[in-house]
Amino acid sequence: GMFSNLAEPVLGLFADRATFLATIGSSILLSVAFFALTKRFFFLKGWIYALMGLVLIGYAYLTFERAALWKDKLTLMRSDILHVPNSAQAHNLLGHAIMEHLSKNDGTLTDPEKESLLNEAHPHFQQAYTIYPEFFNALVDDGRVLQILGNNQGALESFANAYLIDSTYALVVE
């Protein structure tokens, strides 16, 4: 009940972890129900086990398919954004992951690769503040990306919009 989102929504990355806890109880109840069915309808025991097997095989397939996406954080987040296209936070986190990848691999990337990553991050920051116009961090980060790309006019616009949200942030005031 704590993780049902009925009393108060569970937000952000914690929501996935909280949901996992709730699935443990559901899994136990489902197992008990399956075994109760086999006792009550013993003549259908084979069919019930076959159904359980199909469910397990289906979830095992989904688990292995998802595990392949865990190559690295960036690969996982690029895949996940397809499932949550209207999440400002997901777009912002993907933009940050791209910038983090760029920062960590700065010495090994060619200039075209760096530019490609910057051009990939920009639309995600832009989408984040399009979805949620008060998303200060997305505006500032987009301004930084545009500044690195040499689009000073775009950077100024992003910083100006960020300033309208929070005029006390030092980077924006400069």
N, C-alpha and C. Protein backbone atom coordinates (compact mmCIF):
# COMPACT_ATOMS: atom_id res chain seq x y z
N GLY A 1 0.79 -1.19 0.00
CA GLY A 1 0.00 0.00 0.00
C GLY A 1 0.84 1.26 0.00
N MET A 2 2.01 1.22 0.64
CA MET A 2 2.85 2.42 0.70
C MET A 2 3.28 2.88 -0.69
N PHE A 3 3.42 1.95 -1.62
CA PHE A 3 3.97 2.27 -2.93
C PHE A 3 2.90 2.27 -4.02
N SER A 4 1.65 2.41 -3.66
CA SER A 4 0.57 2.34 -4.63
C SER A 4 0.30 3.66 -5.33
N ASN A 5 0.92 4.74 -4.89
CA ASN A 5 0.69 6.09 -5.42
C ASN A 5 -0.70 6.61 -5.11
N LEU A 6 -1.42 5.96 -4.22
CA LEU A 6 -2.75 6.44 -3.87
C LEU A 6 -2.69 7.58 -2.86
N ALA A 7 -1.91 7.43 -1.82
CA ALA A 7 -1.81 8.48 -0.80
C ALA A 7 -0.99 9.65 -1.32
N GLU A 8 0.17 9.35 -1.88
CA GLU A 8 1.04 10.39 -2.42
C GLU A 8 1.91 9.75 -3.48
N PRO A 9 2.10 10.42 -4.62
CA PRO A 9 2.90 9.82 -5.68
C PRO A 9 4.36 9.62 -5.27
N VAL A 10 4.91 8.49 -5.67
CA VAL A 10 6.32 8.23 -5.46
C VAL A 10 7.01 8.70 -6.74
N LEU A 11 7.95 9.63 -6.59
CA LEU A 11 8.52 10.28 -7.76
C LEU A 11 9.93 9.81 -8.08
N GLY A 12 10.32 10.03 -9.32
CA GLY A 12 11.69 9.86 -9.76
C GLY A 12 12.16 8.43 -9.80
N LEU A 13 13.46 8.30 -9.69
CA LEU A 13 14.09 6.99 -9.80
C LEU A 13 13.71 6.08 -8.64
N PHE A 14 13.34 6.66 -7.50
CA PHE A 14 12.96 5.85 -6.35
C PHE A 14 11.70 5.04 -6.64
N ALA A 15 10.85 5.53 -7.52
CA ALA A 15 9.59 4.84 -7.82
C ALA A 15 9.84 3.41 -8.30
N ASP A 16 10.86 3.21 -9.15
CA ASP A 16 11.16 1.86 -9.63
C ASP A 16 11.57 0.94 -8.50
N ARG A 17 12.39 1.45 -7.62
CA ARG A 17 12.85 0.63 -6.50
C ARG A 17 11.70 0.31 -5.54
N ALA A 18 10.83 1.26 -5.34
CA ALA A 18 9.69 1.04 -4.46
C ALA A 18 8.72 0.03 -5.08
N THR A 19 8.57 0.09 -6.39
CA THR A 19 7.68 -0.84 -7.07
C THR A 19 8.19 -2.27 -6.93
N PHE A 20 9.50 -2.44 -6.96
CA PHE A 20 10.07 -3.77 -6.81
C PHE A 20 9.62 -4.42 -5.51
N LEU A 21 9.62 -3.64 -4.43
CA LEU A 21 9.22 -4.17 -3.14
C LEU A 21 7.78 -4.67 -3.17
N ALA A 22 6.91 -3.93 -3.83
CA ALA A 22 5.50 -4.33 -3.92
C ALA A 22 5.33 -5.59 -4.77
N THR A 23 6.18 -5.79 -5.76
CA THR A 23 6.04 -6.97 -6.61
C THR A 23 6.40 -8.26 -5.88
N ILE A 24 7.19 -8.17 -4.84
CA ILE A 24 7.53 -9.38 -4.08
C ILE A 24 6.26 -9.98 -3.48
N GLY A 25 5.46 -9.15 -2.84
CA GLY A 25 4.20 -9.62 -2.26
C GLY A 25 3.25 -10.15 -3.32
N SER A 26 3.17 -9.45 -4.43
CA SER A 26 2.30 -9.90 -5.53
C SER A 26 2.76 -11.25 -6.06
N SER A 27 4.06 -11.43 -6.19
CA SER A 27 4.60 -12.70 -6.69
C SER A 27 4.28 -13.85 -5.74
N ILE A 28 4.40 -13.60 -4.45
CA ILE A 28 4.08 -14.63 -3.46
C ILE A 28 2.60 -14.99 -3.54
N LEU A 29 1.74 -13.98 -3.61
CA LEU A 29 0.30 -14.25 -3.71
C LEU A 29 -0.05 -15.00 -4.99
N LEU A 30 0.59 -14.65 -6.10
CA LEU A 30 0.33 -15.34 -7.35
C LEU A 30 0.77 -16.81 -7.27
N SER A 31 1.90 -17.06 -6.66
CA SER A 31 2.38 -18.44 -6.48
C SER A 31 1.42 -19.25 -5.62
N VAL A 32 0.98 -18.65 -4.52
CA VAL A 32 0.03 -19.32 -3.63
C VAL A 32 -1.26 -19.63 -4.39
N ALA A 33 -1.73 -18.68 -5.19
CA ALA A 33 -2.96 -18.89 -5.97
C ALA A 33 -2.78 -20.03 -6.96
N PHE A 34 -1.64 -20.09 -7.66
CA PHE A 34 -1.40 -21.17 -8.60
C PHE A 34 -1.40 -22.52 -7.90
N PHE A 35 -0.74 -22.62 -6.76
CA PHE A 35 -0.69 -23.90 -6.05
C PHE A 35 -2.05 -24.25 -5.45
N ALA A 36 -2.82 -23.27 -5.04
CA ALA A 36 -4.17 -23.54 -4.54
C ALA A 36 -5.04 -24.08 -5.67
N LEU A 37 -4.85 -23.54 -6.88
CA LEU A 37 -5.60 -24.04 -8.03
C LEU A 37 -5.25 -25.49 -8.34
N THR A 38 -3.98 -25.84 -8.21
CA THR A 38 -3.59 -27.23 -8.51
C THR A 38 -4.16 -28.20 -7.49
N LYS A 39 -4.34 -27.76 -6.25
CA LYS A 39 -4.95 -28.65 -5.24
C LYS A 39 -6.44 -28.80 -5.47
N ARG A 40 -7.07 -27.68 -5.80
CA ARG A 40 -8.52 -27.71 -5.96
C ARG A 40 -8.92 -28.37 -7.28
N PHE A 41 -8.19 -28.05 -8.34
CA PHE A 41 -8.48 -28.61 -9.66
C PHE A 41 -7.33 -29.52 -10.07
N PHE A 42 -7.13 -30.59 -9.28
CA PHE A 42 -5.99 -31.47 -9.50
C PHE A 42 -5.98 -32.08 -10.89
N PHE A 43 -7.17 -32.23 -11.52
CA PHE A 43 -7.24 -32.81 -12.86
C PHE A 43 -6.70 -31.83 -13.92
N LEU A 44 -6.56 -30.54 -13.57
CA LEU A 44 -5.99 -29.53 -14.47
C LEU A 44 -4.54 -29.19 -14.11
N LYS A 45 -3.97 -30.01 -13.23
CA LYS A 45 -2.64 -29.71 -12.70
C LYS A 45 -1.62 -29.48 -13.82
N GLY A 46 -1.61 -30.33 -14.82
CA GLY A 46 -0.66 -30.21 -15.94
C GLY A 46 -0.83 -28.90 -16.69
N TRP A 47 -2.09 -28.51 -16.92
CA TRP A 47 -2.37 -27.25 -17.63
C TRP A 47 -1.96 -26.03 -16.80
N ILE A 48 -2.20 -26.12 -15.52
CA ILE A 48 -1.83 -25.01 -14.63
C ILE A 48 -0.31 -24.86 -14.59
N TYR A 49 0.41 -25.98 -14.51
CA TYR A 49 1.88 -25.91 -14.54
C TYR A 49 2.37 -25.39 -15.89
N ALA A 50 1.72 -25.80 -16.96
CA ALA A 50 2.10 -25.30 -18.29
C ALA A 50 1.89 -23.78 -18.38
N LEU A 51 0.79 -23.31 -17.83
CA LEU A 51 0.52 -21.87 -17.82
C LEU A 51 1.57 -21.13 -17.00
N MET A 52 1.91 -21.69 -15.83
CA MET A 52 2.96 -21.08 -15.00
C MET A 52 4.28 -21.05 -15.76
N GLY A 53 4.59 -22.12 -16.45
CA GLY A 53 5.82 -22.19 -17.23
C GLY A 53 5.86 -21.15 -18.33
N LEU A 54 4.74 -20.97 -19.02
CA LEU A 54 4.67 -19.95 -20.08
C LEU A 54 4.87 -18.54 -19.52
N VAL A 55 4.27 -18.29 -18.37
CA VAL A 55 4.43 -16.98 -17.73
C VAL A 55 5.90 -16.77 -17.35
N LEU A 56 6.51 -17.78 -16.77
CA LEU A 56 7.92 -17.68 -16.37
C LEU A 56 8.83 -17.50 -17.58
N ILE A 57 8.57 -18.24 -18.65
CA ILE A 57 9.39 -18.11 -19.87
C ILE A 57 9.23 -16.71 -20.46
N GLY A 58 8.01 -16.20 -20.46
CA GLY A 58 7.78 -14.85 -20.98
C GLY A 58 8.54 -13.79 -20.19
N TYR A 59 8.47 -13.88 -18.88
CA TYR A 59 9.19 -12.89 -18.06
C TYR A 59 10.70 -13.10 -18.11
N ALA A 60 11.14 -14.33 -18.25
CA ALA A 60 12.58 -14.58 -18.40
C ALA A 60 13.09 -13.95 -19.70
N TYR A 61 12.31 -14.08 -20.76
CA TYR A 61 12.68 -13.46 -22.04
C TYR A 61 12.78 -11.95 -21.89
N LEU A 62 11.79 -11.34 -21.26
CA LEU A 62 11.83 -9.88 -21.06
C LEU A 62 13.02 -9.45 -20.21
N THR A 63 13.35 -10.26 -19.22
CA THR A 63 14.49 -9.96 -18.35
C THR A 63 15.79 -9.99 -19.13
N PHE A 64 15.99 -11.03 -19.95
CA PHE A 64 17.23 -11.13 -20.73
C PHE A 64 17.29 -10.05 -21.81
N GLU A 65 16.15 -9.73 -22.39
CA GLU A 65 16.12 -8.67 -23.39
C GLU A 65 16.52 -7.34 -22.76
N ARG A 66 16.03 -7.06 -21.58
CA ARG A 66 16.36 -5.83 -20.86
C ARG A 66 17.83 -5.83 -20.41
N ALA A 67 18.33 -6.98 -20.00
CA ALA A 67 19.71 -7.07 -19.54
C ALA A 67 20.69 -6.69 -20.64
N ALA A 68 20.35 -6.97 -21.89
CA ALA A 68 21.22 -6.62 -23.00
C ALA A 68 21.40 -5.10 -23.12
N LEU A 69 20.44 -4.35 -22.62
CA LEU A 69 20.51 -2.88 -22.68
C LEU A 69 21.41 -2.29 -21.61
N TRP A 70 21.85 -3.12 -20.67
CA TRP A 70 22.68 -2.64 -19.57
C TRP A 70 24.15 -2.58 -19.96
N LYS A 71 24.43 -2.47 -21.25
CA LYS A 71 25.81 -2.36 -21.71
C LYS A 71 26.50 -1.22 -20.96
N ASP A 72 25.83 -0.09 -20.90
CA ASP A 72 26.29 1.05 -20.11
C ASP A 72 25.10 1.95 -19.84
N LYS A 73 25.31 2.93 -19.00
CA LYS A 73 24.24 3.84 -18.58
C LYS A 73 23.61 4.56 -19.78
N LEU A 74 24.43 4.99 -20.70
CA LEU A 74 23.94 5.75 -21.85
C LEU A 74 23.07 4.89 -22.76
N THR A 75 23.50 3.67 -23.01
CA THR A 75 22.71 2.75 -23.85
C THR A 75 21.35 2.50 -23.22
N LEU A 76 21.34 2.28 -21.93
CA LEU A 76 20.09 2.02 -21.21
C LEU A 76 19.15 3.23 -21.28
N MET A 77 19.70 4.41 -21.05
CA MET A 77 18.86 5.60 -21.05
C MET A 77 18.35 5.94 -22.45
N ARG A 78 19.16 5.70 -23.47
CA ARG A 78 18.70 5.93 -24.85
C ARG A 78 17.53 5.00 -25.17
N SER A 79 17.57 3.80 -24.67
CA SER A 79 16.48 2.86 -24.89
C SER A 79 15.24 3.26 -24.10
N ASP A 80 15.44 3.68 -22.86
CA ASP A 80 14.31 4.01 -21.99
C ASP A 80 13.53 5.23 -22.45
N ILE A 81 14.20 6.18 -23.11
CA ILE A 81 13.52 7.41 -23.51
C ILE A 81 12.40 7.11 -24.50
N LEU A 82 12.51 6.01 -25.22
CA LEU A 82 11.46 5.62 -26.17
C LEU A 82 10.17 5.24 -25.45
N HIS A 83 10.30 4.81 -24.19
CA HIS A 83 9.13 4.38 -23.41
C HIS A 83 8.51 5.51 -22.59
N VAL A 84 9.27 6.59 -22.40
CA VAL A 84 8.76 7.73 -21.63
C VAL A 84 9.03 9.05 -22.37
N PRO A 85 8.48 9.19 -23.58
CA PRO A 85 8.80 10.37 -24.38
C PRO A 85 8.26 11.68 -23.81
N ASN A 86 7.31 11.61 -22.90
CA ASN A 86 6.72 12.81 -22.33
C ASN A 86 7.23 13.12 -20.93
N SER A 87 8.36 12.55 -20.56
CA SER A 87 8.94 12.79 -19.25
C SER A 87 10.06 13.82 -19.35
N ALA A 88 9.83 14.98 -18.76
CA ALA A 88 10.86 16.03 -18.76
C ALA A 88 12.10 15.55 -18.03
N GLN A 89 11.91 14.85 -16.93
CA GLN A 89 13.06 14.37 -16.15
C GLN A 89 13.86 13.34 -16.92
N ALA A 90 13.20 12.45 -17.64
CA ALA A 90 13.92 11.44 -18.42
C ALA A 90 14.76 12.10 -19.51
N HIS A 91 14.20 13.09 -20.19
CA HIS A 91 14.95 13.80 -21.22
C HIS A 91 16.15 14.54 -20.60
N ASN A 92 15.93 15.17 -19.47
CA ASN A 92 17.01 15.88 -18.80
C ASN A 92 18.11 14.92 -18.36
N LEU A 93 17.73 13.78 -17.80
CA LEU A 93 18.73 12.79 -17.37
C LEU A 93 19.51 12.22 -18.55
N LEU A 94 18.83 12.00 -19.68
CA LEU A 94 19.53 11.51 -20.85
C LEU A 94 20.50 12.56 -21.37
N GLY A 95 20.08 13.82 -21.39
CA GLY A 95 21.00 14.90 -21.79
C GLY A 95 22.22 14.93 -20.90
N HIS A 96 22.02 14.77 -19.59
CA HIS A 96 23.14 14.74 -18.65
C HIS A 96 24.04 13.53 -18.88
N ALA A 97 23.44 12.38 -19.16
CA ALA A 97 24.23 11.17 -19.40
C ALA A 97 25.09 11.33 -20.66
N ILE A 98 24.55 11.98 -21.66
CA ILE A 98 25.31 12.23 -22.89
C ILE A 98 26.48 13.16 -22.58
N MET A 99 26.21 14.22 -21.82
CA MET A 99 27.27 15.17 -21.47
C MET A 99 28.32 14.51 -20.57
N GLU A 100 27.90 13.63 -19.69
CA GLU A 100 28.83 12.90 -18.82
C GLU A 100 29.72 11.98 -19.66
N HIS A 101 29.11 11.30 -20.63
CA HIS A 101 29.87 10.43 -21.54
C HIS A 101 30.89 11.26 -22.32
N LEU A 102 30.47 12.42 -22.78
CA LEU A 102 31.36 13.31 -23.51
C LEU A 102 32.53 13.75 -22.64
N SER A 103 32.23 14.09 -21.41
CA SER A 103 33.25 14.56 -20.47
C SER A 103 34.25 13.46 -20.13
N LYS A 104 33.75 12.26 -19.88
CA LYS A 104 34.63 11.14 -19.50
C LYS A 104 35.52 10.69 -20.65
N ASN A 105 35.02 10.82 -21.88
CA ASN A 105 35.75 10.32 -23.04
C ASN A 105 36.31 11.43 -23.91
N ASP A 106 36.44 12.61 -23.34
CA ASP A 106 36.85 13.79 -24.10
C ASP A 106 38.16 13.57 -24.85
N GLY A 107 39.12 12.92 -24.23
CA GLY A 107 40.42 12.71 -24.86
C GLY A 107 40.43 11.70 -25.98
N THR A 108 39.43 10.82 -26.02
CA THR A 108 39.42 9.75 -27.03
C THR A 108 38.46 10.01 -28.17
N LEU A 109 37.62 11.04 -28.05
CA LEU A 109 36.63 11.33 -29.09
C LEU A 109 37.18 12.33 -30.11
N THR A 110 36.79 12.12 -31.35
CA THR A 110 37.15 13.08 -32.38
C THR A 110 36.21 14.28 -32.30
N ASP A 111 36.58 15.36 -32.94
CA ASP A 111 35.72 16.55 -32.93
C ASP A 111 34.33 16.27 -33.51
N PRO A 112 34.22 15.53 -34.63
CA PRO A 112 32.87 15.22 -35.13
C PRO A 112 32.05 14.38 -34.14
N GLU A 113 32.72 13.47 -33.41
CA GLU A 113 32.01 12.66 -32.42
C GLU A 113 31.52 13.54 -31.27
N LYS A 114 32.35 14.48 -30.84
CA LYS A 114 31.95 15.41 -29.78
C LYS A 114 30.76 16.25 -30.22
N GLU A 115 30.85 16.75 -31.43
CA GLU A 115 29.76 17.58 -31.95
C GLU A 115 28.47 16.78 -32.08
N SER A 116 28.61 15.53 -32.50
CA SER A 116 27.45 14.65 -32.62
C SER A 116 26.78 14.44 -31.26
N LEU A 117 27.59 14.22 -30.22
CA LEU A 117 27.04 14.03 -28.88
C LEU A 117 26.36 15.31 -28.38
N LEU A 118 26.98 16.45 -28.63
CA LEU A 118 26.37 17.72 -28.23
C LEU A 118 25.05 17.94 -28.96
N ASN A 119 25.03 17.60 -30.24
CA ASN A 119 23.80 17.74 -31.02
C ASN A 119 22.74 16.73 -30.60
N GLU A 120 23.17 15.64 -29.98
CA GLU A 120 22.21 14.67 -29.44
C GLU A 120 21.65 15.16 -28.10
N ALA A 121 22.50 15.78 -27.28
CA ALA A 121 22.06 16.25 -25.96
C ALA A 121 21.11 17.43 -26.07
N HIS A 122 21.38 18.34 -26.99
CA HIS A 122 20.58 19.57 -27.12
C HIS A 122 19.08 19.31 -27.22
N PRO A 123 18.61 18.45 -28.13
CA PRO A 123 17.15 18.24 -28.23
C PRO A 123 16.54 17.66 -26.95
N HIS A 124 17.33 16.90 -26.19
CA HIS A 124 16.78 16.32 -24.96
C HIS A 124 16.58 17.40 -23.89
N PHE A 125 17.54 18.31 -23.76
CA PHE A 125 17.35 19.42 -22.83
C PHE A 125 16.19 20.30 -23.31
N GLN A 126 16.13 20.51 -24.62
CA GLN A 126 15.06 21.33 -25.19
C GLN A 126 13.69 20.69 -24.94
N GLN A 127 13.62 19.39 -25.13
CA GLN A 127 12.36 18.67 -24.91
C GLN A 127 11.98 18.71 -23.43
N ALA A 128 12.96 18.64 -22.55
CA ALA A 128 12.68 18.69 -21.11
C ALA A 128 12.00 19.99 -20.74
N TYR A 129 12.51 21.12 -21.22
CA TYR A 129 11.86 22.37 -20.85
C TYR A 129 10.66 22.70 -21.72
N THR A 130 10.48 22.02 -22.84
CA THR A 130 9.24 22.15 -23.61
C THR A 130 8.11 21.46 -22.84
N ILE A 131 8.40 20.30 -22.29
CA ILE A 131 7.41 19.56 -21.51
C ILE A 131 7.10 20.31 -20.22
N TYR A 132 8.15 20.81 -19.58
CA TYR A 132 7.99 21.51 -18.30
C TYR A 132 8.74 22.84 -18.39
N PRO A 133 8.03 23.91 -18.78
CA PRO A 133 8.67 25.21 -19.03
C PRO A 133 9.38 25.82 -17.82
N GLU A 134 9.14 25.34 -16.63
CA GLU A 134 9.81 25.87 -15.44
C GLU A 134 11.06 25.06 -15.07
N PHE A 135 11.52 24.22 -15.98
CA PHE A 135 12.66 23.34 -15.71
C PHE A 135 13.95 24.13 -15.86
N PHE A 136 14.33 24.75 -14.77
CA PHE A 136 15.50 25.63 -14.73
C PHE A 136 16.78 24.93 -15.18
N ASN A 137 17.04 23.77 -14.61
CA ASN A 137 18.29 23.05 -14.92
C ASN A 137 18.41 22.70 -16.40
N ALA A 138 17.30 22.30 -17.00
CA ALA A 138 17.33 21.95 -18.42
C ALA A 138 17.68 23.18 -19.27
N LEU A 139 17.14 24.33 -18.88
CA LEU A 139 17.46 25.56 -19.61
C LEU A 139 18.93 25.92 -19.48
N VAL A 140 19.47 25.86 -18.29
CA VAL A 140 20.88 26.19 -18.07
C VAL A 140 21.78 25.21 -18.82
N ASP A 141 21.48 23.92 -18.71
CA ASP A 141 22.31 22.92 -19.38
C ASP A 141 22.21 23.05 -20.90
N ASP A 142 21.03 23.37 -21.40
CA ASP A 142 20.90 23.58 -22.84
C ASP A 142 21.71 24.80 -23.27
N GLY A 143 21.70 25.85 -22.45
CA GLY A 143 22.51 27.03 -22.74
C GLY A 143 23.98 26.68 -22.82
N ARG A 144 24.44 25.83 -21.92
CA ARG A 144 25.85 25.41 -21.93
C ARG A 144 26.18 24.64 -23.20
N VAL A 145 25.29 23.72 -23.59
CA VAL A 145 25.50 22.94 -24.81
C VAL A 145 25.55 23.86 -26.02
N LEU A 146 24.60 24.77 -26.11
CA LEU A 146 24.56 25.69 -27.24
C LEU A 146 25.80 26.58 -27.27
N GLN A 147 26.27 26.96 -26.11
CA GLN A 147 27.48 27.78 -26.02
C GLN A 147 28.69 27.00 -26.55
N ILE A 148 28.81 25.75 -26.17
CA ILE A 148 29.92 24.91 -26.64
C ILE A 148 29.83 24.73 -28.16
N LEU A 149 28.59 24.59 -28.66
CA LEU A 149 28.39 24.42 -30.10
C LEU A 149 28.64 25.71 -30.88
N GLY A 150 28.79 26.82 -30.16
CA GLY A 150 29.03 28.10 -30.83
C GLY A 150 27.76 28.85 -31.18
N ASN A 151 26.62 28.37 -30.73
CA ASN A 151 25.35 29.05 -30.97
C ASN A 151 25.10 30.01 -29.81
N ASN A 152 25.80 31.13 -29.82
CA ASN A 152 25.73 32.07 -28.70
C ASN A 152 24.35 32.69 -28.55
N GLN A 153 23.66 32.93 -29.65
CA GLN A 153 22.32 33.51 -29.58
C GLN A 153 21.36 32.54 -28.88
N GLY A 154 21.42 31.27 -29.27
CA GLY A 154 20.58 30.26 -28.63
C GLY A 154 20.92 30.10 -27.16
N ALA A 155 22.22 30.16 -26.85
CA ALA A 155 22.66 30.05 -25.45
C ALA A 155 22.11 31.21 -24.64
N LEU A 156 22.20 32.42 -25.19
CA LEU A 156 21.67 33.60 -24.48
C LEU A 156 20.17 33.48 -24.22
N GLU A 157 19.45 32.95 -25.20
CA GLU A 157 18.00 32.77 -25.02
C GLU A 157 17.73 31.77 -23.90
N SER A 158 18.46 30.66 -23.87
CA SER A 158 18.27 29.67 -22.81
C SER A 158 18.60 30.26 -21.45
N PHE A 159 19.73 30.97 -21.37
CA PHE A 159 20.12 31.59 -20.10
C PHE A 159 19.12 32.66 -19.67
N ALA A 160 18.60 33.42 -20.64
CA ALA A 160 17.61 34.45 -20.31
C ALA A 160 16.33 33.82 -19.76
N ASN A 161 15.90 32.73 -20.37
CA ASN A 161 14.70 32.03 -19.87
C ASN A 161 14.95 31.44 -18.49
N ALA A 162 16.17 30.94 -18.26
CA ALA A 162 16.52 30.42 -16.94
C ALA A 162 16.53 31.55 -15.93
N TYR A 163 17.00 32.71 -16.32
CA TYR A 163 17.05 33.88 -15.43
C TYR A 163 15.64 34.28 -15.00
N LEU A 164 14.68 34.15 -15.91
CA LEU A 164 13.29 34.48 -15.57
C LEU A 164 12.74 33.55 -14.49
N ILE A 165 13.26 32.33 -14.44
CA ILE A 165 12.81 31.36 -13.44
C ILE A 165 13.53 31.59 -12.12
N ASP A 166 14.85 31.79 -12.17
CA ASP A 166 15.65 31.99 -10.97
C ASP A 166 16.74 33.02 -11.25
N SER A 167 16.52 34.23 -10.82
CA SER A 167 17.47 35.31 -11.11
C SER A 167 18.63 35.34 -10.14
N THR A 168 18.71 34.39 -9.21
CA THR A 168 19.79 34.39 -8.23
C THR A 168 20.92 33.43 -8.57
N TYR A 169 20.72 32.58 -9.55
CA TYR A 169 21.73 31.57 -9.90
C TYR A 169 22.94 32.26 -10.53
N ALA A 170 24.12 32.05 -9.98
CA ALA A 170 25.32 32.80 -10.34
C ALA A 170 25.67 32.68 -11.82
N LEU A 171 25.61 31.50 -12.40
CA LEU A 171 26.01 31.32 -13.79
C LEU A 171 25.12 32.13 -14.73
N VAL A 172 23.84 32.16 -14.42
CA VAL A 172 22.89 32.86 -15.28
C VAL A 172 23.07 34.37 -15.15
N VAL A 173 23.36 34.82 -13.96
CA VAL A 173 23.51 36.26 -13.72
C VAL A 173 24.75 36.78 -14.43
N GLU A 174 25.82 35.99 -14.51
CA GLU A 174 27.05 36.41 -15.19
C GLU A 174 26.75 36.66 -16.63
